[in-house]
Amino acid sequence: MEQTTVVFVYGSLRRGGQYHSLLQGAKFLGTDSLNHIDLYDLGPYPMAIPGRNRLYGECYRIPLSLLPRLDELEDHPRLYQRQWVQLESGTSAWVYLGRPEQVQGCPLIPSGCWLPRGS
């Protein structure tokens, strides 16, 4: 049996997002949130950084072998850093977060929820 891990996604990997197909075959565990995180609109995709708000997204159980592909998509560790966090539900998961200097001048999304364009 292949080893698995949990990933929390909040942007283009969510249902309806441009890259959701990468999670095909992953087990959807439900929606969840992460506290003390600010979400910014970078145009074609969002970036979350440590902050004061709450971030909303979806949890998936994925094969461990899929992590390198997600790292490549998220340009880890150059653009995003993959971090192990505890979500509001108590579930622990990987999440891709940016750095404050990367979102300077970008609009904050106060709702903490990224809605894919065209969905």
PDB file of N, CA and C in Angstrom:
ATOM      1  N   MET A   1       0.852  -1.193   0.000  1.00  0.00           N
ATOM      2  CA  MET A   1       0.000   0.000   0.000  1.00  0.00           C
ATOM      3  C   MET A   1       0.890   1.246   0.000  1.00  0.00           C
ATOM      4  N   GLU A   2       0.590   2.160  -0.899  1.00  0.00           N
ATOM      5  CA  GLU A   2       1.412   3.375  -1.016  1.00  0.00           C
ATOM      6  C   GLU A   2       1.186   4.317   0.166  1.00  0.00           C
ATOM      7  N   GLN A   3       2.269   4.931   0.626  1.00  0.00           N
ATOM      8  CA  GLN A   3       2.166   5.907   1.712  1.00  0.00           C
ATOM      9  C   GLN A   3       1.448   7.160   1.219  1.00  0.00           C
ATOM     10  N   THR A   4       0.716   7.793   2.148  1.00  0.00           N
ATOM     11  CA  THR A   4      -0.031   9.004   1.796  1.00  0.00           C
ATOM     12  C   THR A   4       0.303  10.124   2.775  1.00  0.00           C
ATOM     13  N   THR A   5      -0.093  11.315   2.396  1.00  0.00           N
ATOM     14  CA  THR A   5       0.025  12.484   3.248  1.00  0.00           C
ATOM     15  C   THR A   5      -1.170  13.382   2.964  1.00  0.00           C
ATOM     16  N   VAL A   6      -1.313  14.440   3.732  1.00  0.00           N
ATOM     17  CA  VAL A   6      -2.447  15.349   3.563  1.00  0.00           C
ATOM     18  C   VAL A   6      -1.927  16.702   3.091  1.00  0.00           C
ATOM     19  N   VAL A   7      -2.648  17.284   2.146  1.00  0.00           N
ATOM     20  CA  VAL A   7      -2.304  18.614   1.642  1.00  0.00           C
ATOM     21  C   VAL A   7      -3.535  19.517   1.753  1.00  0.00           C
ATOM     22  N   PHE A   8      -3.287  20.780   2.131  1.00  0.00           N
ATOM     23  CA  PHE A   8      -4.341  21.802   2.237  1.00  0.00           C
ATOM     24  C   PHE A   8      -4.118  22.774   1.090  1.00  0.00           C
ATOM     25  N   VAL A   9      -5.113  22.897   0.212  1.00  0.00           N
ATOM     26  CA  VAL A   9      -4.973  23.756  -0.971  1.00  0.00           C
ATOM     27  C   VAL A   9      -5.982  24.896  -0.911  1.00  0.00           C
ATOM     28  N   TYR A  10      -5.580  26.059  -1.413  1.00  0.00           N
ATOM     29  CA  TYR A  10      -6.452  27.235  -1.305  1.00  0.00           C
ATOM     30  C   TYR A  10      -6.528  28.046  -2.590  1.00  0.00           C
ATOM     31  N   GLY A  11      -5.862  27.603  -3.644  1.00  0.00           N
ATOM     32  CA  GLY A  11      -5.845  28.373  -4.888  1.00  0.00           C
ATOM     33  C   GLY A  11      -6.208  27.528  -6.090  1.00  0.00           C
ATOM     34  N   SER A  12      -5.287  27.454  -7.051  1.00  0.00           N
ATOM     35  CA  SER A  12      -5.560  26.803  -8.332  1.00  0.00           C
ATOM     36  C   SER A  12      -5.699  25.285  -8.241  1.00  0.00           C
ATOM     37  N   LEU A  13      -5.384  24.694  -7.067  1.00  0.00           N
ATOM     38  CA  LEU A  13      -5.560  23.249  -6.892  1.00  0.00           C
ATOM     39  C   LEU A  13      -6.942  22.887  -6.338  1.00  0.00           C
ATOM     40  N   ARG A  14      -7.716  23.895  -5.925  1.00  0.00           N
ATOM     41  CA  ARG A  14      -9.073  23.638  -5.415  1.00  0.00           C
ATOM     42  C   ARG A  14      -9.983  23.162  -6.531  1.00  0.00           C
ATOM     43  N   ARG A  15     -11.132  22.570  -6.124  1.00  0.00           N
ATOM     44  CA  ARG A  15     -12.134  22.165  -7.118  1.00  0.00           C
ATOM     45  C   ARG A  15     -12.507  23.384  -7.953  1.00  0.00           C
ATOM     46  N   GLY A  16     -12.503  23.214  -9.255  1.00  0.00           N
ATOM     47  CA  GLY A  16     -12.799  24.317 -10.158  1.00  0.00           C
ATOM     48  C   GLY A  16     -11.563  25.118 -10.527  1.00  0.00           C
ATOM     49  N   GLY A  17     -10.446  24.836  -9.888  1.00  0.00           N
ATOM     50  CA  GLY A  17      -9.209  25.559 -10.162  1.00  0.00           C
ATOM     51  C   GLY A  17      -8.470  24.998 -11.368  1.00  0.00           C
ATOM     52  N   GLN A  18      -7.593  25.802 -11.914  1.00  0.00           N
ATOM     53  CA  GLN A  18      -6.856  25.478 -13.139  1.00  0.00           C
ATOM     54  C   GLN A  18      -6.052  24.172 -13.019  1.00  0.00           C
ATOM     55  N   TYR A  19      -5.517  23.883 -11.840  1.00  0.00           N
ATOM     56  CA  TYR A  19      -4.649  22.709 -11.679  1.00  0.00           C
ATOM     57  C   TYR A  19      -5.259  21.608 -10.811  1.00  0.00           C
ATOM     58  N   HIS A  20      -6.575  21.681 -10.588  1.00  0.00           N
ATOM     59  CA  HIS A  20      -7.229  20.674  -9.753  1.00  0.00           C
ATOM     60  C   HIS A  20      -7.031  19.260 -10.299  1.00  0.00           C
ATOM     61  N   SER A  21      -6.884  19.118 -11.607  1.00  0.00           N
ATOM     62  CA  SER A  21      -6.730  17.787 -12.202  1.00  0.00           C
ATOM     63  C   SER A  21      -5.494  17.059 -11.672  1.00  0.00           C
ATOM     64  N   LEU A  22      -4.513  17.792 -11.150  1.00  0.00           N
ATOM     65  CA  LEU A  22      -3.338  17.140 -10.555  1.00  0.00           C
ATOM     66  C   LEU A  22      -3.721  16.299  -9.345  1.00  0.00           C
ATOM     67  N   LEU A  23      -4.852  16.617  -8.725  1.00  0.00           N
ATOM     68  CA  LEU A  23      -5.309  15.892  -7.543  1.00  0.00           C
ATOM     69  C   LEU A  23      -6.278  14.760  -7.896  1.00  0.00           C
ATOM     70  N   GLN A  24      -6.370  14.453  -9.184  1.00  0.00           N
ATOM     71  CA  GLN A  24      -7.259  13.373  -9.618  1.00  0.00           C
ATOM     72  C   GLN A  24      -6.834  12.085  -8.913  1.00  0.00           C
ATOM     73  N   GLY A  25      -7.782  11.410  -8.302  1.00  0.00           N
ATOM     74  CA  GLY A  25      -7.480  10.185  -7.573  1.00  0.00           C
ATOM     75  C   GLY A  25      -7.174  10.427  -6.103  1.00  0.00           C
ATOM     76  N   ALA A  26      -6.970  11.696  -5.726  1.00  0.00           N
ATOM     77  CA  ALA A  26      -6.749  12.027  -4.311  1.00  0.00           C
ATOM     78  C   ALA A  26      -8.087  11.957  -3.580  1.00  0.00           C
ATOM     79  N   LYS A  27      -8.045  11.686  -2.294  1.00  0.00           N
ATOM     80  CA  LYS A  27      -9.284  11.599  -1.508  1.00  0.00           C
ATOM     81  C   LYS A  27      -9.597  12.966  -0.908  1.00  0.00           C
ATOM     82  N   PHE A  28     -10.747  13.519  -1.270  1.00  0.00           N
ATOM     83  CA  PHE A  28     -11.196  14.798  -0.724  1.00  0.00           C
ATOM     84  C   PHE A  28     -11.604  14.571   0.725  1.00  0.00           C
ATOM     85  N   LEU A  29     -10.977  15.307   1.652  1.00  0.00           N
ATOM     86  CA  LEU A  29     -11.266  15.139   3.081  1.00  0.00           C
ATOM     87  C   LEU A  29     -12.223  16.198   3.607  1.00  0.00           C
ATOM     88  N   GLY A  30     -12.477  17.234   2.807  1.00  0.00           N
ATOM     89  CA  GLY A  30     -13.400  18.284   3.229  1.00  0.00           C
ATOM     90  C   GLY A  30     -12.754  19.647   3.222  1.00  0.00           C
ATOM     91  N   THR A  31     -13.562  20.635   3.550  1.00  0.00           N
ATOM     92  CA  THR A  31     -13.043  21.996   3.628  1.00  0.00           C
ATOM     93  C   THR A  31     -12.480  22.211   5.026  1.00  0.00           C
ATOM     94  N   ASP A  32     -11.565  23.174   5.128  1.00  0.00           N
ATOM     95  CA  ASP A  32     -10.928  23.451   6.408  1.00  0.00           C
ATOM     96  C   ASP A  32     -10.416  24.882   6.352  1.00  0.00           C
ATOM     97  N   SER A  33      -9.790  25.321   7.436  1.00  0.00           N
ATOM     98  CA  SER A  33      -9.227  26.666   7.450  1.00  0.00           C
ATOM     99  C   SER A  33      -7.966  26.681   8.305  1.00  0.00           C
ATOM    100  N   LEU A  34      -7.202  27.743   8.120  1.00  0.00           N
ATOM    101  CA  LEU A  34      -5.942  27.928   8.826  1.00  0.00           C
ATOM    102  C   LEU A  34      -5.944  29.352   9.367  1.00  0.00           C
ATOM    103  N   ASN A  35      -5.752  29.479  10.668  1.00  0.00           N
ATOM    104  CA  ASN A  35      -5.824  30.793  11.307  1.00  0.00           C
ATOM    105  C   ASN A  35      -4.482  31.514  11.205  1.00  0.00           C
ATOM    106  N   HIS A  36      -4.528  32.840  11.343  1.00  0.00           N
ATOM    107  CA  HIS A  36      -3.341  33.709  11.332  1.00  0.00           C
ATOM    108  C   HIS A  36      -2.617  33.668   9.987  1.00  0.00           C
ATOM    109  N   ILE A  37      -3.408  33.673   8.924  1.00  0.00           N
ATOM    110  CA  ILE A  37      -2.874  33.659   7.564  1.00  0.00           C
ATOM    111  C   ILE A  37      -3.606  34.723   6.745  1.00  0.00           C
ATOM    112  N   ASP A  38      -2.855  35.531   6.013  1.00  0.00           N
ATOM    113  CA  ASP A  38      -3.431  36.526   5.106  1.00  0.00           C
ATOM    114  C   ASP A  38      -3.322  36.013   3.677  1.00  0.00           C
ATOM    115  N   LEU A  39      -4.369  36.226   2.880  1.00  0.00           N
ATOM    116  CA  LEU A  39      -4.422  35.780   1.495  1.00  0.00           C
ATOM    117  C   LEU A  39      -4.362  36.998   0.579  1.00  0.00           C
ATOM    118  N   TYR A  40      -3.504  36.936  -0.431  1.00  0.00           N
ATOM    119  CA  TYR A  40      -3.327  38.037  -1.374  1.00  0.00           C
ATOM    120  C   TYR A  40      -3.608  37.574  -2.796  1.00  0.00           C
ATOM    121  N   ASP A  41      -4.098  38.511  -3.599  1.00  0.00           N
ATOM    122  CA  ASP A  41      -4.414  38.271  -5.003  1.00  0.00           C
ATOM    123  C   ASP A  41      -3.218  38.677  -5.846  1.00  0.00           C
ATOM    124  N   LEU A  42      -2.548  37.697  -6.449  1.00  0.00           N
ATOM    125  CA  LEU A  42      -1.404  37.972  -7.312  1.00  0.00           C
ATOM    126  C   LEU A  42      -1.801  37.944  -8.778  1.00  0.00           C
ATOM    127  N   GLY A  43      -3.101  38.039  -9.051  1.00  0.00           N
ATOM    128  CA  GLY A  43      -3.578  38.024 -10.433  1.00  0.00           C
ATOM    129  C   GLY A  43      -4.064  36.643 -10.806  1.00  0.00           C
ATOM    130  N   PRO A  44      -3.208  35.829 -11.464  1.00  0.00           N
ATOM    131  CA  PRO A  44      -3.656  34.500 -11.882  1.00  0.00           C
ATOM    132  C   PRO A  44      -3.747  33.490 -10.742  1.00  0.00           C
ATOM    133  N   TYR A  45      -3.161  33.796  -9.607  1.00  0.00           N
ATOM    134  CA  TYR A  45      -3.190  32.872  -8.473  1.00  0.00           C
ATOM    135  C   TYR A  45      -3.031  33.654  -7.173  1.00  0.00           C
ATOM    136  N   PRO A  46      -3.416  33.027  -6.056  1.00  0.00           N
ATOM    137  CA  PRO A  46      -3.273  33.687  -4.762  1.00  0.00           C
ATOM    138  C   PRO A  46      -1.975  33.275  -4.065  1.00  0.00           C
ATOM    139  N   MET A  47      -1.609  34.022  -3.029  1.00  0.00           N
ATOM    140  CA  MET A  47      -0.490  33.637  -2.172  1.00  0.00           C
ATOM    141  C   MET A  47      -0.888  33.935  -0.738  1.00  0.00           C
ATOM    142  N   ALA A  48      -0.674  32.965   0.137  1.00  0.00           N
ATOM    143  CA  ALA A  48      -0.969  33.124   1.552  1.00  0.00           C
ATOM    144  C   ALA A  48       0.341  33.291   2.314  1.00  0.00           C
ATOM    145  N   ILE A  49       0.310  34.184   3.297  1.00  0.00           N
ATOM    146  CA  ILE A  49       1.478  34.416   4.151  1.00  0.00           C
ATOM    147  C   ILE A  49       0.997  34.509   5.600  1.00  0.00           C
ATOM    148  N   PRO A  50       1.886  34.292   6.559  1.00  0.00           N
ATOM    149  CA  PRO A  50       1.489  34.478   7.956  1.00  0.00           C
ATOM    150  C   PRO A  50       0.925  35.884   8.170  1.00  0.00           C
ATOM    151  N   GLY A  51      -0.172  35.976   8.936  1.00  0.00           N
ATOM    152  CA  GLY A  51      -0.823  37.272   9.134  1.00  0.00           C
ATOM    153  C   GLY A  51      -1.870  37.209  10.232  1.00  0.00           C
ATOM    154  N   ARG A  52      -2.964  37.969  10.022  1.00  0.00           N
ATOM    155  CA  ARG A  52      -3.976  38.115  11.073  1.00  0.00           C
ATOM    156  C   ARG A  52      -5.321  37.474  10.732  1.00  0.00           C
ATOM    157  N   ASN A  53      -5.519  37.083   9.495  1.00  0.00           N
ATOM    158  CA  ASN A  53      -6.824  36.594   9.056  1.00  0.00           C
ATOM    159  C   ASN A  53      -6.901  35.072   9.073  1.00  0.00           C
ATOM    160  N   ARG A  54      -7.933  34.543   8.442  1.00  0.00           N
ATOM    161  CA  ARG A  54      -8.140  33.095   8.332  1.00  0.00           C
ATOM    162  C   ARG A  54      -8.160  32.728   6.853  1.00  0.00           C
ATOM    163  N   LEU A  55      -7.509  31.626   6.526  1.00  0.00           N
ATOM    164  CA  LEU A  55      -7.432  31.127   5.159  1.00  0.00           C
ATOM    165  C   LEU A  55      -8.354  29.925   5.020  1.00  0.00           C
ATOM    166  N   TYR A  56      -9.163  29.917   3.967  1.00  0.00           N
ATOM    167  CA  TYR A  56     -10.095  28.813   3.724  1.00  0.00           C
ATOM    168  C   TYR A  56      -9.649  28.015   2.512  1.00  0.00           C
ATOM    169  N   GLY A  57      -9.807  26.692   2.599  1.00  0.00           N
ATOM    170  CA  GLY A  57      -9.418  25.843   1.483  1.00  0.00           C
ATOM    171  C   GLY A  57      -9.953  24.439   1.635  1.00  0.00           C
ATOM    172  N   GLU A  58      -9.304  23.502   0.947  1.00  0.00           N
ATOM    173  CA  GLU A  58      -9.735  22.115   0.898  1.00  0.00           C
ATOM    174  C   GLU A  58      -8.580  21.191   1.270  1.00  0.00           C
ATOM    175  N   CYS A  59      -8.918  20.087   1.925  1.00  0.00           N
ATOM    176  CA  CYS A  59      -7.929  19.077   2.315  1.00  0.00           C
ATOM    177  C   CYS A  59      -8.067  17.843   1.441  1.00  0.00           C
ATOM    178  N   TYR A  60      -6.925  17.287   1.063  1.00  0.00           N
ATOM    179  CA  TYR A  60      -6.888  16.060   0.267  1.00  0.00           C
ATOM    180  C   TYR A  60      -5.840  15.114   0.827  1.00  0.00           C
ATOM    181  N   ARG A  61      -6.170  13.827   0.834  1.00  0.00           N
ATOM    182  CA  ARG A  61      -5.181  12.792   1.130  1.00  0.00           C
ATOM    183  C   ARG A  61      -4.601  12.371  -0.215  1.00  0.00           C
ATOM    184  N   ILE A  62      -3.290  12.527  -0.355  1.00  0.00           N
ATOM    185  CA  ILE A  62      -2.624  12.261  -1.628  1.00  0.00           C
ATOM    186  C   ILE A  62      -1.529  11.208  -1.444  1.00  0.00           C
ATOM    187  N   PRO A  63      -1.178  10.511  -2.524  1.00  0.00           N
ATOM    188  CA  PRO A  63      -0.024   9.619  -2.452  1.00  0.00           C
ATOM    189  C   PRO A  63       1.235  10.459  -2.212  1.00  0.00           C
ATOM    190  N   LEU A  64       2.116   9.966  -1.364  1.00  0.00           N
ATOM    191  CA  LEU A  64       3.364  10.675  -1.082  1.00  0.00           C
ATOM    192  C   LEU A  64       4.136  10.965  -2.368  1.00  0.00           C
ATOM    193  N   SER A  65       3.984  10.084  -3.342  1.00  0.00           N
ATOM    194  CA  SER A  65       4.700  10.242  -4.617  1.00  0.00           C
ATOM    195  C   SER A  65       4.232  11.471  -5.406  1.00  0.00           C
ATOM    196  N   LEU A  66       3.092  12.054  -5.044  1.00  0.00           N
ATOM    197  CA  LEU A  66       2.582  13.238  -5.740  1.00  0.00           C
ATOM    198  C   LEU A  66       3.228  14.531  -5.227  1.00  0.00           C
ATOM    199  N   LEU A  67       3.807  14.511  -4.025  1.00  0.00           N
ATOM    200  CA  LEU A  67       4.389  15.734  -3.454  1.00  0.00           C
ATOM    201  C   LEU A  67       5.424  16.397  -4.358  1.00  0.00           C
ATOM    202  N   PRO A  68       6.365  15.658  -4.967  1.00  0.00           N
ATOM    203  CA  PRO A  68       7.330  16.324  -5.846  1.00  0.00           C
ATOM    204  C   PRO A  68       6.667  17.062  -7.009  1.00  0.00           C
ATOM    205  N   ARG A  69       5.572  16.530  -7.529  1.00  0.00           N
ATOM    206  CA  ARG A  69       4.845  17.199  -8.628  1.00  0.00           C
ATOM    207  C   ARG A  69       4.207  18.497  -8.128  1.00  0.00           C
ATOM    208  N   LEU A  70       3.645  18.472  -6.919  1.00  0.00           N
ATOM    209  CA  LEU A  70       3.065  19.692  -6.346  1.00  0.00           C
ATOM    210  C   LEU A  70       4.173  20.702  -6.027  1.00  0.00           C
ATOM    211  N   ASP A  71       5.309  20.207  -5.522  1.00  0.00           N
ATOM    212  CA  ASP A  71       6.455  21.097  -5.272  1.00  0.00           C
ATOM    213  C   ASP A  71       6.876  21.809  -6.555  1.00  0.00           C
ATOM    214  N   GLU A  72       6.860  21.069  -7.659  1.00  0.00           N
ATOM    215  CA  GLU A  72       7.236  21.648  -8.951  1.00  0.00           C
ATOM    216  C   GLU A  72       6.226  22.720  -9.371  1.00  0.00           C
ATOM    217  N   LEU A  73       4.941  22.410  -9.253  1.00  0.00           N
ATOM    218  CA  LEU A  73       3.897  23.375  -9.607  1.00  0.00           C
ATOM    219  C   LEU A  73       4.034  24.647  -8.775  1.00  0.00           C
ATOM    220  N   GLU A  74       4.263  24.491  -7.481  1.00  0.00           N
ATOM    221  CA  GLU A  74       4.332  25.631  -6.562  1.00  0.00           C
ATOM    222  C   GLU A  74       5.726  26.258  -6.514  1.00  0.00           C
ATOM    223  N   ASP A  75       6.655  25.732  -7.328  1.00  0.00           N
ATOM    224  CA  ASP A  75       8.031  26.229  -7.390  1.00  0.00           C
ATOM    225  C   ASP A  75       8.662  26.281  -5.988  1.00  0.00           C
ATOM    226  N   HIS A  76       8.469  25.170  -5.250  1.00  0.00           N
ATOM    227  CA  HIS A  76       9.033  25.018  -3.902  1.00  0.00           C
ATOM    228  C   HIS A  76      10.498  24.623  -4.034  1.00  0.00           C
ATOM    229  N   PRO A  77      11.419  25.229  -3.336  1.00  0.00           N
ATOM    230  CA  PRO A  77      11.223  26.229  -2.277  1.00  0.00           C
ATOM    231  C   PRO A  77      11.436  27.676  -2.729  1.00  0.00           C
ATOM    232  N   ARG A  78      11.608  27.925  -4.042  1.00  0.00           N
ATOM    233  CA  ARG A  78      11.916  29.278  -4.493  1.00  0.00           C
ATOM    234  C   ARG A  78      10.738  30.239  -4.311  1.00  0.00           C
ATOM    235  N   LEU A  79       9.560  29.871  -4.838  1.00  0.00           N
ATOM    236  CA  LEU A  79       8.407  30.772  -4.787  1.00  0.00           C
ATOM    237  C   LEU A  79       7.577  30.533  -3.518  1.00  0.00           C
ATOM    238  N   TYR A  80       7.169  29.301  -3.313  1.00  0.00           N
ATOM    239  CA  TYR A  80       6.396  28.928  -2.125  1.00  0.00           C
ATOM    240  C   TYR A  80       7.229  27.999  -1.257  1.00  0.00           C
ATOM    241  N   GLN A  81       6.974  28.042   0.051  1.00  0.00           N
ATOM    242  CA  GLN A  81       7.596  27.107   0.974  1.00  0.00           C
ATOM    243  C   GLN A  81       6.512  26.139   1.458  1.00  0.00           C
ATOM    244  N   ARG A  82       6.800  24.843   1.346  1.00  0.00           N
ATOM    245  CA  ARG A  82       5.856  23.833   1.826  1.00  0.00           C
ATOM    246  C   ARG A  82       6.063  23.680   3.331  1.00  0.00           C
ATOM    247  N   GLN A  83       4.988  23.903   4.088  1.00  0.00           N
ATOM    248  CA  GLN A  83       5.075  23.859   5.548  1.00  0.00           C
ATOM    249  C   GLN A  83       4.031  22.906   6.118  1.00  0.00           C
ATOM    250  N   TRP A  84       4.392  22.235   7.198  1.00  0.00           N
ATOM    251  CA  TRP A  84       3.506  21.301   7.900  1.00  0.00           C
ATOM    252  C   TRP A  84       2.778  22.105   8.970  1.00  0.00           C
ATOM    253  N   VAL A  85       1.459  22.165   8.892  1.00  0.00           N
ATOM    254  CA  VAL A  85       0.669  23.004   9.802  1.00  0.00           C
ATOM    255  C   VAL A  85      -0.482  22.201  10.404  1.00  0.00           C
ATOM    256  N   GLN A  86      -1.040  22.738  11.476  1.00  0.00           N
ATOM    257  CA  GLN A  86      -2.261  22.160  12.045  1.00  0.00           C
ATOM    258  C   GLN A  86      -3.428  23.070  11.679  1.00  0.00           C
ATOM    259  N   LEU A  87      -4.427  22.485  11.022  1.00  0.00           N
ATOM    260  CA  LEU A  87      -5.595  23.228  10.574  1.00  0.00           C
ATOM    261  C   LEU A  87      -6.597  23.362  11.716  1.00  0.00           C
ATOM    262  N   GLU A  88      -7.618  24.187  11.493  1.00  0.00           N
ATOM    263  CA  GLU A  88      -8.625  24.441  12.526  1.00  0.00           C
ATOM    264  C   GLU A  88      -9.330  23.164  12.983  1.00  0.00           C
ATOM    265  N   SER A  89      -9.468  22.192  12.085  1.00  0.00           N
ATOM    266  CA  SER A  89     -10.145  20.936  12.434  1.00  0.00           C
ATOM    267  C   SER A  89      -9.280  20.041  13.315  1.00  0.00           C
ATOM    268  N   GLY A  90      -7.990  20.380  13.425  1.00  0.00           N
ATOM    269  CA  GLY A  90      -7.058  19.526  14.144  1.00  0.00           C
ATOM    270  C   GLY A  90      -6.235  18.656  13.212  1.00  0.00           C
ATOM    271  N   THR A  91      -6.623  18.597  11.946  1.00  0.00           N
ATOM    272  CA  THR A  91      -5.878  17.841  10.938  1.00  0.00           C
ATOM    273  C   THR A  91      -4.538  18.518  10.677  1.00  0.00           C
ATOM    274  N   SER A  92      -3.493  17.728  10.532  1.00  0.00           N
ATOM    275  CA  SER A  92      -2.190  18.267  10.123  1.00  0.00           C
ATOM    276  C   SER A  92      -2.039  18.052   8.631  1.00  0.00           C
ATOM    277  N   ALA A  93      -1.467  19.051   7.936  1.00  0.00           N
ATOM    278  CA  ALA A  93      -1.373  18.979   6.484  1.00  0.00           C
ATOM    279  C   ALA A  93      -0.224  19.851   5.982  1.00  0.00           C
ATOM    280  N   TRP A  94       0.205  19.542   4.776  1.00  0.00           N
ATOM    281  CA  TRP A  94       1.154  20.412   4.077  1.00  0.00           C
ATOM    282  C   TRP A  94       0.383  21.569   3.462  1.00  0.00           C
ATOM    283  N   VAL A  95       0.968  22.766   3.496  1.00  0.00           N
ATOM    284  CA  VAL A  95       0.391  23.925   2.829  1.00  0.00           C
ATOM    285  C   VAL A  95       1.547  24.710   2.209  1.00  0.00           C
ATOM    286  N   TYR A  96       1.288  25.339   1.087  1.00  0.00           N
ATOM    287  CA  TYR A  96       2.307  26.146   0.407  1.00  0.00           C
ATOM    288  C   TYR A  96       2.081  27.613   0.743  1.00  0.00           C
ATOM    289  N   LEU A  97       3.055  28.219   1.420  1.00  0.00           N
ATOM    290  CA  LEU A  97       2.957  29.613   1.844  1.00  0.00           C
ATOM    291  C   LEU A  97       4.073  30.440   1.222  1.00  0.00           C
ATOM    292  N   GLY A  98       3.770  31.727   1.019  1.00  0.00           N
ATOM    293  CA  GLY A  98       4.762  32.654   0.498  1.00  0.00           C
ATOM    294  C   GLY A  98       5.394  33.461   1.624  1.00  0.00           C
ATOM    295  N   ARG A  99       6.158  34.481   1.217  1.00  0.00           N
ATOM    296  CA  ARG A  99       6.837  35.365   2.169  1.00  0.00           C
ATOM    297  C   ARG A  99       6.273  36.779   2.014  1.00  0.00           C
ATOM    298  N   PRO A 100       6.266  37.570   3.103  1.00  0.00           N
ATOM    299  CA  PRO A 100       5.670  38.917   3.060  1.00  0.00           C
ATOM    300  C   PRO A 100       6.185  39.795   1.928  1.00  0.00           C
ATOM    301  N   GLU A 101       7.474  39.727   1.630  1.00  0.00           N
ATOM    302  CA  GLU A 101       8.014  40.600   0.571  1.00  0.00           C
ATOM    303  C   GLU A 101       7.466  40.243  -0.805  1.00  0.00           C
ATOM    304  N   GLN A 102       6.912  39.036  -0.957  1.00  0.00           N
ATOM    305  CA  GLN A 102       6.387  38.616  -2.255  1.00  0.00           C
ATOM    306  C   GLN A 102       5.006  39.204  -2.563  1.00  0.00           C
ATOM    307  N   VAL A 103       4.306  39.707  -1.545  1.00  0.00           N
ATOM    308  CA  VAL A 103       2.946  40.201  -1.766  1.00  0.00           C
ATOM    309  C   VAL A 103       2.842  41.721  -1.650  1.00  0.00           C
ATOM    310  N   GLN A 104       3.971  42.398  -1.519  1.00  0.00           N
ATOM    311  CA  GLN A 104       3.937  43.861  -1.404  1.00  0.00           C
ATOM    312  C   GLN A 104       3.264  44.456  -2.634  1.00  0.00           C
ATOM    313  N   GLY A 105       2.290  45.332  -2.385  1.00  0.00           N
ATOM    314  CA  GLY A 105       1.576  45.990  -3.475  1.00  0.00           C
ATOM    315  C   GLY A 105       0.427  45.174  -4.043  1.00  0.00           C
ATOM    316  N   CYS A 106       0.236  43.965  -3.573  1.00  0.00           N
ATOM    317  CA  CYS A 106      -0.868  43.118  -4.044  1.00  0.00           C
ATOM    318  C   CYS A 106      -2.072  43.292  -3.122  1.00  0.00           C
ATOM    319  N   PRO A 107      -3.292  43.190  -3.680  1.00  0.00           N
ATOM    320  CA  PRO A 107      -4.476  43.365  -2.830  1.00  0.00           C
ATOM    321  C   PRO A 107      -4.716  42.189  -1.887  1.00  0.00           C
ATOM    322  N   LEU A 108      -5.042  42.523  -0.642  1.00  0.00           N
ATOM    323  CA  LEU A 108      -5.433  41.530   0.351  1.00  0.00           C
ATOM    324  C   LEU A 108      -6.830  41.025   0.012  1.00  0.00           C
ATOM    325  N   ILE A 109      -7.075  39.735   0.204  1.00  0.00           N
ATOM    326  CA  ILE A 109      -8.413  39.154   0.048  1.00  0.00           C
ATOM    327  C   ILE A 109      -8.939  38.942   1.466  1.00  0.00           C
ATOM    328  N   PRO A 110      -9.703  39.913   2.007  1.00  0.00           N
ATOM    329  CA  PRO A 110     -10.103  39.866   3.415  1.00  0.00           C
ATOM    330  C   PRO A 110     -10.919  38.633   3.781  1.00  0.00           C
ATOM    331  N   SER A 111     -11.665  38.068   2.828  1.00  0.00           N
ATOM    332  CA  SER A 111     -12.500  36.898   3.114  1.00  0.00           C
ATOM    333  C   SER A 111     -11.665  35.650   3.363  1.00  0.00           C
ATOM    334  N   GLY A 112     -10.406  35.653   2.900  1.00  0.00           N
ATOM    335  CA  GLY A 112      -9.557  34.482   3.045  1.00  0.00           C
ATOM    336  C   GLY A 112      -9.933  33.339   2.118  1.00  0.00           C
ATOM    337  N   CYS A 113     -10.781  33.641   1.145  1.00  0.00           N
ATOM    338  CA  CYS A 113     -11.269  32.603   0.237  1.00  0.00           C
ATOM    339  C   CYS A 113     -11.001  32.992  -1.208  1.00  0.00           C
ATOM    340  N   TRP A 114     -10.251  32.179  -1.922  1.00  0.00           N
ATOM    341  CA  TRP A 114      -9.927  32.397  -3.327  1.00  0.00           C
ATOM    342  C   TRP A 114     -10.956  31.681  -4.175  1.00  0.00           C
ATOM    343  N   LEU A 115     -11.624  32.418  -5.022  1.00  0.00           N
ATOM    344  CA  LEU A 115     -12.591  31.811  -5.927  1.00  0.00           C
ATOM    345  C   LEU A 115     -11.983  31.773  -7.320  1.00  0.00           C
ATOM    346  N   PRO A 116     -11.791  30.573  -7.871  1.00  0.00           N
ATOM    347  CA  PRO A 116     -11.198  30.487  -9.206  1.00  0.00           C
ATOM    348  C   PRO A 116     -12.013  31.269 -10.231  1.00  0.00           C
ATOM    349  N   ARG A 117     -11.325  31.963 -11.096  1.00  0.00           N
ATOM    350  CA  ARG A 117     -11.993  32.720 -12.174  1.00  0.00           C
ATOM    351  C   ARG A 117     -12.735  31.780 -13.081  1.00  0.00           C
ATOM    352  N   GLY A 118     -13.865  32.220 -13.538  1.00  0.00           N
ATOM    353  CA  GLY A 118     -14.613  31.459 -14.539  1.00  0.00           C
ATOM    354  C   GLY A 118     -15.337  30.240 -13.975  1.00  0.00           C
ATOM    355  N   SER A 119     -15.424  30.137 -12.634  1.00  0.00           N
ATOM    356  CA  SER A 119     -16.119  28.959 -12.106  1.00  0.00           C
ATOM    357  C   SER A 119     -17.462  29.385 -11.524  1.00  0.00           C
TER     358      SER A 119
END
